[in-house]
Amino acid sequence: VEISVQAYSKMILHAAKYPSRAISGLLLAEQNPGRGSGRRGSEAGGGSGDGGGGGLAGSRRVLLTDCVPLFHLALPLAPMLEVAFAQLDMWAKEKDLVIAGYYQANESCTDVSPNQVAYKISDLISENYSDAVLIMIENRRMSRDCATSALHVYNNSGGQWQTKQPGLHSVCLEPDCLAVASGLLIQRAHVQLMDFDNHLDNPTLDWANPVLNRLILDSC
């Protein structure tokens, strides 16, 4: 699994915008990726449970190209989630993308474990995408300098979600992920990020975040 600058930055900005709330979103990958495509970068984690290794359910190398921030007011109820999935799935297909995973940060900065909501949504995604990924954001690692990855990465192995074992380098960040995320936090770019909750409150706010995506691209 490789995590793009855009996907990593938007996850971090979502958590930074709502530091005292649980946040969640969906991860996107290319619909028909080439094997072994994508640039190799830094390992996404170094210690136990930090997302540093382990095999995928399939043999493809998955590049998470983007993410869509969903909720911050509360972890999603079924009706809201169905609306979000329907809109996002249609939009993703037009972009030749597929929903490839789920990310979440818990309300407590000391709690980095997936809850039943995270598992249920990730199970749903894995029914349609065998290489689905579950990412938990560790709030204690959130800092403006982004010295280390704040992600814990899980994959589904035999019907169980397991953290990647460190040392095998099968989860990595694209080059400059941490530097770009740090620069965006310093610029307070998180105030520009819009999630699906924002869109429900004001339909003119775009959860696809085209303006922020351009800012991230220009920062690379």
C-alpha atoms as a PDB file:
ATOM      1  CA  VAL A   1       0.000   0.000   0.000  1.00  0.00           C
ATOM      2  CA  GLU A   2       1.296   3.425  -0.935  1.00  0.00           C
ATOM      3  CA  ILE A   3      -0.308   6.619   0.331  1.00  0.00           C
ATOM      4  CA  SER A   4      -0.181   9.689  -1.898  1.00  0.00           C
ATOM      5  CA  VAL A   5       0.662  13.193  -0.731  1.00  0.00           C
ATOM      6  CA  GLN A   6      -2.917  14.254  -1.414  1.00  0.00           C
ATOM      7  CA  ALA A   7      -4.509  11.418   0.555  1.00  0.00           C
ATOM      8  CA  TYR A   8      -2.156  11.779   3.530  1.00  0.00           C
ATOM      9  CA  SER A   9      -2.400  15.571   3.675  1.00  0.00           C
ATOM     10  CA  LYS A  10      -6.194  15.633   3.593  1.00  0.00           C
ATOM     11  CA  MET A  11      -6.493  13.019   6.348  1.00  0.00           C
ATOM     12  CA  ILE A  12      -4.163  15.068   8.546  1.00  0.00           C
ATOM     13  CA  LEU A  13      -5.930  18.344   7.719  1.00  0.00           C
ATOM     14  CA  HIS A  14      -9.316  16.786   8.535  1.00  0.00           C
ATOM     15  CA  ALA A  15      -8.072  15.691  11.952  1.00  0.00           C
ATOM     16  CA  ALA A  16      -6.418  19.084  12.514  1.00  0.00           C
ATOM     17  CA  LYS A  17      -9.605  21.002  11.689  1.00  0.00           C
ATOM     18  CA  TYR A  18     -11.584  19.097  14.332  1.00  0.00           C
ATOM     19  CA  PRO A  19      -9.001  18.136  16.976  1.00  0.00           C
ATOM     20  CA  SER A  20     -11.526  17.430  19.746  1.00  0.00           C
ATOM     21  CA  ARG A  21     -13.933  15.358  17.645  1.00  0.00           C
ATOM     22  CA  ALA A  22     -13.994  11.960  16.032  1.00  0.00           C
ATOM     23  CA  ILE A  23     -13.580  12.309  12.271  1.00  0.00           C
ATOM     24  CA  SER A  24     -13.924   9.836   9.436  1.00  0.00           C
ATOM     25  CA  GLY A  25     -13.617   9.549   5.679  1.00  0.00           C
ATOM     26  CA  LEU A  26     -13.155   7.254   2.716  1.00  0.00           C
ATOM     27  CA  LEU A  27      -9.974   6.353   0.839  1.00  0.00           C
ATOM     28  CA  LEU A  28      -9.793   6.163  -2.951  1.00  0.00           C
ATOM     29  CA  ALA A  29      -7.574   4.175  -5.305  1.00  0.00           C
ATOM     30  CA  GLU A  30      -7.279   3.857  -9.063  1.00  0.00           C
ATOM     31  CA  GLN A  31      -9.904   1.573 -10.583  1.00  0.00           C
ATOM     32  CA  ASN A  32      -7.394  -0.371 -12.721  1.00  0.00           C
ATOM     33  CA  PRO A  33      -3.897   0.243 -11.344  1.00  0.00           C
ATOM     34  CA  GLY A  34      -0.789  -1.218 -12.928  1.00  0.00           C
ATOM     35  CA  ARG A  35       1.149  -3.712 -10.856  1.00  0.00           C
ATOM     36  CA  GLY A  36       4.023  -2.168  -8.972  1.00  0.00           C
ATOM     37  CA  SER A  37       3.076   1.348 -10.025  1.00  0.00           C
ATOM     38  CA  GLY A  38       3.715   4.393  -7.902  1.00  0.00           C
ATOM     39  CA  ARG A  39       6.787   5.930  -6.364  1.00  0.00           C
ATOM     40  CA  ARG A  40       8.338   4.395  -3.298  1.00  0.00           C
ATOM     41  CA  GLY A  41       8.562   6.689  -0.337  1.00  0.00           C
ATOM     42  CA  SER A  42       9.119   6.613   3.394  1.00  0.00           C
ATOM     43  CA  GLU A  43       7.666   3.877   5.563  1.00  0.00           C
ATOM     44  CA  ALA A  44       4.261   4.858   6.952  1.00  0.00           C
ATOM     45  CA  GLY A  45       5.103   3.556  10.399  1.00  0.00           C
ATOM     46  CA  GLY A  46       7.977   2.152  12.353  1.00  0.00           C
ATOM     47  CA  GLY A  47       6.764   0.504  15.546  1.00  0.00           C
ATOM     48  CA  SER A  48       4.251  -2.180  16.336  1.00  0.00           C
ATOM     49  CA  GLY A  49       0.861  -1.202  14.958  1.00  0.00           C
ATOM     50  CA  ASP A  50       2.314   1.792  13.095  1.00  0.00           C
ATOM     51  CA  GLY A  51       1.659   0.511   9.614  1.00  0.00           C
ATOM     52  CA  GLY A  52       5.016  -0.753   8.495  1.00  0.00           C
ATOM     53  CA  GLY A  53       4.524  -4.092   6.726  1.00  0.00           C
ATOM     54  CA  GLY A  54       2.476  -7.214   6.232  1.00  0.00           C
ATOM     55  CA  GLY A  55       0.848  -8.677   3.148  1.00  0.00           C
ATOM     56  CA  LEU A  56      -2.305  -7.654   1.360  1.00  0.00           C
ATOM     57  CA  ALA A  57      -5.264  -9.845   0.647  1.00  0.00           C
ATOM     58  CA  GLY A  58      -4.398  -9.586  -3.068  1.00  0.00           C
ATOM     59  CA  SER A  59      -1.183  -9.221  -5.043  1.00  0.00           C
ATOM     60  CA  ARG A  60      -1.709  -5.713  -6.338  1.00  0.00           C
ATOM     61  CA  ARG A  61       0.222  -2.758  -5.074  1.00  0.00           C
ATOM     62  CA  VAL A  62      -2.507  -0.333  -4.024  1.00  0.00           C
ATOM     63  CA  LEU A  63      -1.909   3.398  -4.358  1.00  0.00           C
ATOM     64  CA  LEU A  64      -4.333   5.424  -2.261  1.00  0.00           C
ATOM     65  CA  THR A  65      -4.540   8.494  -4.474  1.00  0.00           C
ATOM     66  CA  ASP A  66      -7.057  10.581  -2.557  1.00  0.00           C
ATOM     67  CA  CYS A  67      -9.476  10.648   0.337  1.00  0.00           C
ATOM     68  CA  VAL A  68     -12.890  12.185   0.880  1.00  0.00           C
ATOM     69  CA  PRO A  69     -13.533  13.631   4.348  1.00  0.00           C
ATOM     70  CA  LEU A  70     -16.976  12.567   5.549  1.00  0.00           C
ATOM     71  CA  PHE A  71     -18.004  13.321   9.099  1.00  0.00           C
ATOM     72  CA  HIS A  72     -17.005  15.284  12.191  1.00  0.00           C
ATOM     73  CA  LEU A  73     -20.291  15.928  14.019  1.00  0.00           C
ATOM     74  CA  ALA A  74     -20.693  12.264  14.944  1.00  0.00           C
ATOM     75  CA  LEU A  75     -19.542   8.943  13.597  1.00  0.00           C
ATOM     76  CA  PRO A  76     -22.000   8.100  10.845  1.00  0.00           C
ATOM     77  CA  LEU A  77     -25.463   6.675  11.249  1.00  0.00           C
ATOM     78  CA  ALA A  78     -26.657   4.278   8.568  1.00  0.00           C
ATOM     79  CA  PRO A  79     -28.886   6.726   6.606  1.00  0.00           C
ATOM     80  CA  MET A  80     -26.190   9.412   6.410  1.00  0.00           C
ATOM     81  CA  LEU A  81     -23.590   6.845   5.418  1.00  0.00           C
ATOM     82  CA  GLU A  82     -25.792   5.455   2.655  1.00  0.00           C
ATOM     83  CA  VAL A  83     -26.261   8.939   1.175  1.00  0.00           C
ATOM     84  CA  ALA A  84     -22.526   9.635   1.344  1.00  0.00           C
ATOM     85  CA  PHE A  85     -21.605   6.273  -0.207  1.00  0.00           C
ATOM     86  CA  ALA A  86     -24.111   6.708  -3.041  1.00  0.00           C
ATOM     87  CA  GLN A  87     -22.840  10.176  -3.985  1.00  0.00           C
ATOM     88  CA  LEU A  88     -19.185   9.273  -3.620  1.00  0.00           C
ATOM     89  CA  ASP A  89     -19.446   5.980  -5.504  1.00  0.00           C
ATOM     90  CA  MET A  90     -21.020   7.714  -8.494  1.00  0.00           C
ATOM     91  CA  TRP A  91     -18.414  10.499  -8.417  1.00  0.00           C
ATOM     92  CA  ALA A  92     -15.522   8.022  -8.040  1.00  0.00           C
ATOM     93  CA  LYS A  93     -16.614   5.958 -11.040  1.00  0.00           C
ATOM     94  CA  GLU A  94     -16.600   9.091 -13.202  1.00  0.00           C
ATOM     95  CA  LYS A  95     -12.982   9.653 -12.105  1.00  0.00           C
ATOM     96  CA  ASP A  96     -12.034   5.977 -12.693  1.00  0.00           C
ATOM     97  CA  LEU A  97     -11.517   5.573  -8.949  1.00  0.00           C
ATOM     98  CA  VAL A  98     -12.768   3.011  -6.450  1.00  0.00           C
ATOM     99  CA  ILE A  99     -13.549   3.225  -2.736  1.00  0.00           C
ATOM    100  CA  ALA A 100     -10.566   1.374  -1.293  1.00  0.00           C
ATOM    101  CA  GLY A 101     -10.659   2.044   2.420  1.00  0.00           C
ATOM    102  CA  TYR A 102     -11.811   3.978   5.443  1.00  0.00           C
ATOM    103  CA  TYR A 103     -10.019   6.293   7.861  1.00  0.00           C
ATOM    104  CA  GLN A 104     -10.951   7.476  11.327  1.00  0.00           C
ATOM    105  CA  ALA A 105      -9.547   9.482  14.227  1.00  0.00           C
ATOM    106  CA  ASN A 106     -11.141   8.926  17.623  1.00  0.00           C
ATOM    107  CA  GLU A 107     -12.268  11.711  19.937  1.00  0.00           C
ATOM    108  CA  SER A 108      -9.771  10.810  22.652  1.00  0.00           C
ATOM    109  CA  CYS A 109      -6.151  11.548  21.785  1.00  0.00           C
ATOM    110  CA  THR A 110      -5.081   8.399  23.644  1.00  0.00           C
ATOM    111  CA  ASP A 111      -7.478   6.091  21.784  1.00  0.00           C
ATOM    112  CA  VAL A 112      -6.150   4.792  18.480  1.00  0.00           C
ATOM    113  CA  SER A 113      -8.058   1.504  18.329  1.00  0.00           C
ATOM    114  CA  PRO A 114     -10.733   0.880  15.693  1.00  0.00           C
ATOM    115  CA  ASN A 115     -14.259   0.694  17.102  1.00  0.00           C
ATOM    116  CA  GLN A 116     -17.246  -1.237  15.787  1.00  0.00           C
ATOM    117  CA  VAL A 117     -18.162   1.586  13.397  1.00  0.00           C
ATOM    118  CA  ALA A 118     -14.697   1.455  11.819  1.00  0.00           C
ATOM    119  CA  TYR A 119     -14.805  -2.319  11.504  1.00  0.00           C
ATOM    120  CA  LYS A 120     -18.324  -2.424  10.049  1.00  0.00           C
ATOM    121  CA  ILE A 121     -17.627   0.223   7.403  1.00  0.00           C
ATOM    122  CA  SER A 122     -14.303  -1.387   6.512  1.00  0.00           C
ATOM    123  CA  ASP A 123     -15.990  -4.790   6.224  1.00  0.00           C
ATOM    124  CA  LEU A 124     -18.534  -3.276   3.850  1.00  0.00           C
ATOM    125  CA  ILE A 125     -15.783  -1.808   1.680  1.00  0.00           C
ATOM    126  CA  SER A 126     -13.788  -5.050   1.649  1.00  0.00           C
ATOM    127  CA  GLU A 127     -16.802  -6.909   0.228  1.00  0.00           C
ATOM    128  CA  ASN A 128     -16.338  -4.917  -2.977  1.00  0.00           C
ATOM    129  CA  TYR A 129     -12.572  -4.289  -2.844  1.00  0.00           C
ATOM    130  CA  SER A 130     -10.448  -7.192  -1.619  1.00  0.00           C
ATOM    131  CA  ASP A 131      -7.381  -5.039  -0.856  1.00  0.00           C
ATOM    132  CA  ALA A 132      -9.322  -2.608   1.337  1.00  0.00           C
ATOM    133  CA  VAL A 133      -7.401  -0.671   3.975  1.00  0.00           C
ATOM    134  CA  LEU A 134      -8.449   0.649   7.388  1.00  0.00           C
ATOM    135  CA  ILE A 135      -6.434   3.603   8.686  1.00  0.00           C
ATOM    136  CA  MET A 136      -6.548   5.020  12.208  1.00  0.00           C
ATOM    137  CA  ILE A 137      -5.027   8.444  12.859  1.00  0.00           C
ATOM    138  CA  GLU A 138      -3.094   8.781  16.119  1.00  0.00           C
ATOM    139  CA  ASN A 139      -3.826  12.252  17.463  1.00  0.00           C
ATOM    140  CA  ARG A 140      -0.810  12.183  19.777  1.00  0.00           C
ATOM    141  CA  ARG A 141       1.454  12.157  16.722  1.00  0.00           C
ATOM    142  CA  MET A 142      -0.230  15.199  15.216  1.00  0.00           C
ATOM    143  CA  SER A 143       2.198  18.111  15.165  1.00  0.00           C
ATOM    144  CA  ARG A 144       2.974  21.001  12.846  1.00  0.00           C
ATOM    145  CA  ASP A 145       6.378  19.599  11.935  1.00  0.00           C
ATOM    146  CA  CYS A 146       4.920  16.174  10.993  1.00  0.00           C
ATOM    147  CA  ALA A 147       8.148  14.475  12.040  1.00  0.00           C
ATOM    148  CA  THR A 148       6.627  11.000  11.796  1.00  0.00           C
ATOM    149  CA  SER A 149       3.586   9.400  10.234  1.00  0.00           C
ATOM    150  CA  ALA A 150       0.425   9.624  12.345  1.00  0.00           C
ATOM    151  CA  LEU A 151      -1.180   6.596  10.714  1.00  0.00           C
ATOM    152  CA  HIS A 152      -1.891   3.060  11.881  1.00  0.00           C
ATOM    153  CA  VAL A 153      -2.695   0.875   8.874  1.00  0.00           C
ATOM    154  CA  TYR A 154      -4.780  -2.305   8.941  1.00  0.00           C
ATOM    155  CA  ASN A 155      -5.631  -4.837   6.265  1.00  0.00           C
ATOM    156  CA  ASN A 156      -8.166  -7.655   6.211  1.00  0.00           C
ATOM    157  CA  SER A 157      -6.544 -11.059   6.548  1.00  0.00           C
ATOM    158  CA  GLY A 158      -8.815 -14.073   6.810  1.00  0.00           C
ATOM    159  CA  GLY A 159     -11.764 -11.922   7.829  1.00  0.00           C
ATOM    160  CA  GLN A 160      -9.836 -10.184  10.621  1.00  0.00           C
ATOM    161  CA  TRP A 161      -8.471  -6.633  10.553  1.00  0.00           C
ATOM    162  CA  GLN A 162      -4.809  -6.707  11.529  1.00  0.00           C
ATOM    163  CA  THR A 163      -2.159  -4.028  11.828  1.00  0.00           C
ATOM    164  CA  LYS A 164       0.696  -4.196   9.383  1.00  0.00           C
ATOM    165  CA  GLN A 165       3.793  -5.855  10.806  1.00  0.00           C
ATOM    166  CA  PRO A 166       6.774  -3.476  10.853  1.00  0.00           C
ATOM    167  CA  GLY A 167       9.864  -3.948   8.764  1.00  0.00           C
ATOM    168  CA  LEU A 168       8.527  -5.310   5.479  1.00  0.00           C
ATOM    169  CA  HIS A 169       8.020  -1.894   3.854  1.00  0.00           C
ATOM    170  CA  SER A 170       4.708  -2.811   2.249  1.00  0.00           C
ATOM    171  CA  VAL A 171       3.137   0.428   3.475  1.00  0.00           C
ATOM    172  CA  CYS A 172       4.874   3.631   2.515  1.00  0.00           C
ATOM    173  CA  LEU A 173       4.246   7.316   1.972  1.00  0.00           C
ATOM    174  CA  GLU A 174       4.996   9.091  -1.268  1.00  0.00           C
ATOM    175  CA  PRO A 175       8.095  11.291  -1.121  1.00  0.00           C
ATOM    176  CA  ASP A 176       7.502  14.670   0.575  1.00  0.00           C
ATOM    177  CA  CYS A 177       4.264  13.539   2.266  1.00  0.00           C
ATOM    178  CA  LEU A 178       5.354  14.705   5.701  1.00  0.00           C
ATOM    179  CA  ALA A 179       6.976  17.912   4.458  1.00  0.00           C
ATOM    180  CA  VAL A 180       3.923  18.927   2.432  1.00  0.00           C
ATOM    181  CA  ALA A 181       1.530  18.125   5.282  1.00  0.00           C
ATOM    182  CA  SER A 182       3.674  20.183   7.648  1.00  0.00           C
ATOM    183  CA  GLY A 183       3.684  23.151   5.283  1.00  0.00           C
ATOM    184  CA  LEU A 184      -0.088  22.978   4.894  1.00  0.00           C
ATOM    185  CA  LEU A 185      -0.617  22.919   8.656  1.00  0.00           C
ATOM    186  CA  ILE A 186       1.657  25.939   9.063  1.00  0.00           C
ATOM    187  CA  GLN A 187      -0.404  27.730   6.382  1.00  0.00           C
ATOM    188  CA  ARG A 188      -3.579  26.774   8.288  1.00  0.00           C
ATOM    189  CA  ALA A 189      -4.872  25.073   5.161  1.00  0.00           C
ATOM    190  CA  HIS A 190      -7.082  22.869   7.330  1.00  0.00           C
ATOM    191  CA  VAL A 191      -9.633  25.696   7.528  1.00  0.00           C
ATOM    192  CA  GLN A 192     -10.195  25.249   3.772  1.00  0.00           C
ATOM    193  CA  LEU A 193     -11.036  21.550   4.051  1.00  0.00           C
ATOM    194  CA  MET A 194     -14.708  20.659   3.647  1.00  0.00           C
ATOM    195  CA  ASP A 195     -16.227  17.336   4.646  1.00  0.00           C
ATOM    196  CA  PHE A 196     -19.600  15.768   3.931  1.00  0.00           C
ATOM    197  CA  ASP A 197     -21.062  17.209   7.140  1.00  0.00           C
ATOM    198  CA  ASN A 198     -20.147  20.695   5.888  1.00  0.00           C
ATOM    199  CA  HIS A 199     -21.789  19.893   2.559  1.00  0.00           C
ATOM    200  CA  LEU A 200     -24.995  18.749   4.267  1.00  0.00           C
ATOM    201  CA  ASP A 201     -25.121  22.054   6.160  1.00  0.00           C
ATOM    202  CA  ASN A 202     -24.357  24.098   3.035  1.00  0.00           C
ATOM    203  CA  PRO A 203     -24.621  22.323  -0.348  1.00  0.00           C
ATOM    204  CA  THR A 204     -22.366  24.927  -1.992  1.00  0.00           C
ATOM    205  CA  LEU A 205     -19.411  23.541  -0.004  1.00  0.00           C
ATOM    206  CA  ASP A 206     -17.662  20.868  -2.066  1.00  0.00           C
ATOM    207  CA  TRP A 207     -16.537  17.711  -0.251  1.00  0.00           C
ATOM    208  CA  ALA A 208     -14.273  16.924  -3.245  1.00  0.00           C
ATOM    209  CA  ASN A 209     -12.124  19.900  -2.167  1.00  0.00           C
ATOM    210  CA  PRO A 210     -10.855  20.971  -5.633  1.00  0.00           C
ATOM    211  CA  VAL A 211      -9.293  24.191  -4.309  1.00  0.00           C
ATOM    212  CA  LEU A 212      -7.447  22.365  -1.549  1.00  0.00           C
ATOM    213  CA  ASN A 213      -6.353  19.665  -3.997  1.00  0.00           C
ATOM    214  CA  ARG A 214      -4.766  22.351  -6.171  1.00  0.00           C
ATOM    215  CA  LEU A 215      -2.998  23.838  -3.154  1.00  0.00           C
ATOM    216  CA  ILE A 216      -1.597  20.416  -2.255  1.00  0.00           C
ATOM    217  CA  LEU A 217      -0.437  19.836  -5.833  1.00  0.00           C
ATOM    218  CA  ASP A 218       1.262  23.229  -5.913  1.00  0.00           C
ATOM    219  CA  SER A 219       3.014  22.401  -2.622  1.00  0.00           C
ATOM    220  CA  CYS A 220       4.652  19.241  -3.985  1.00  0.00           C
END
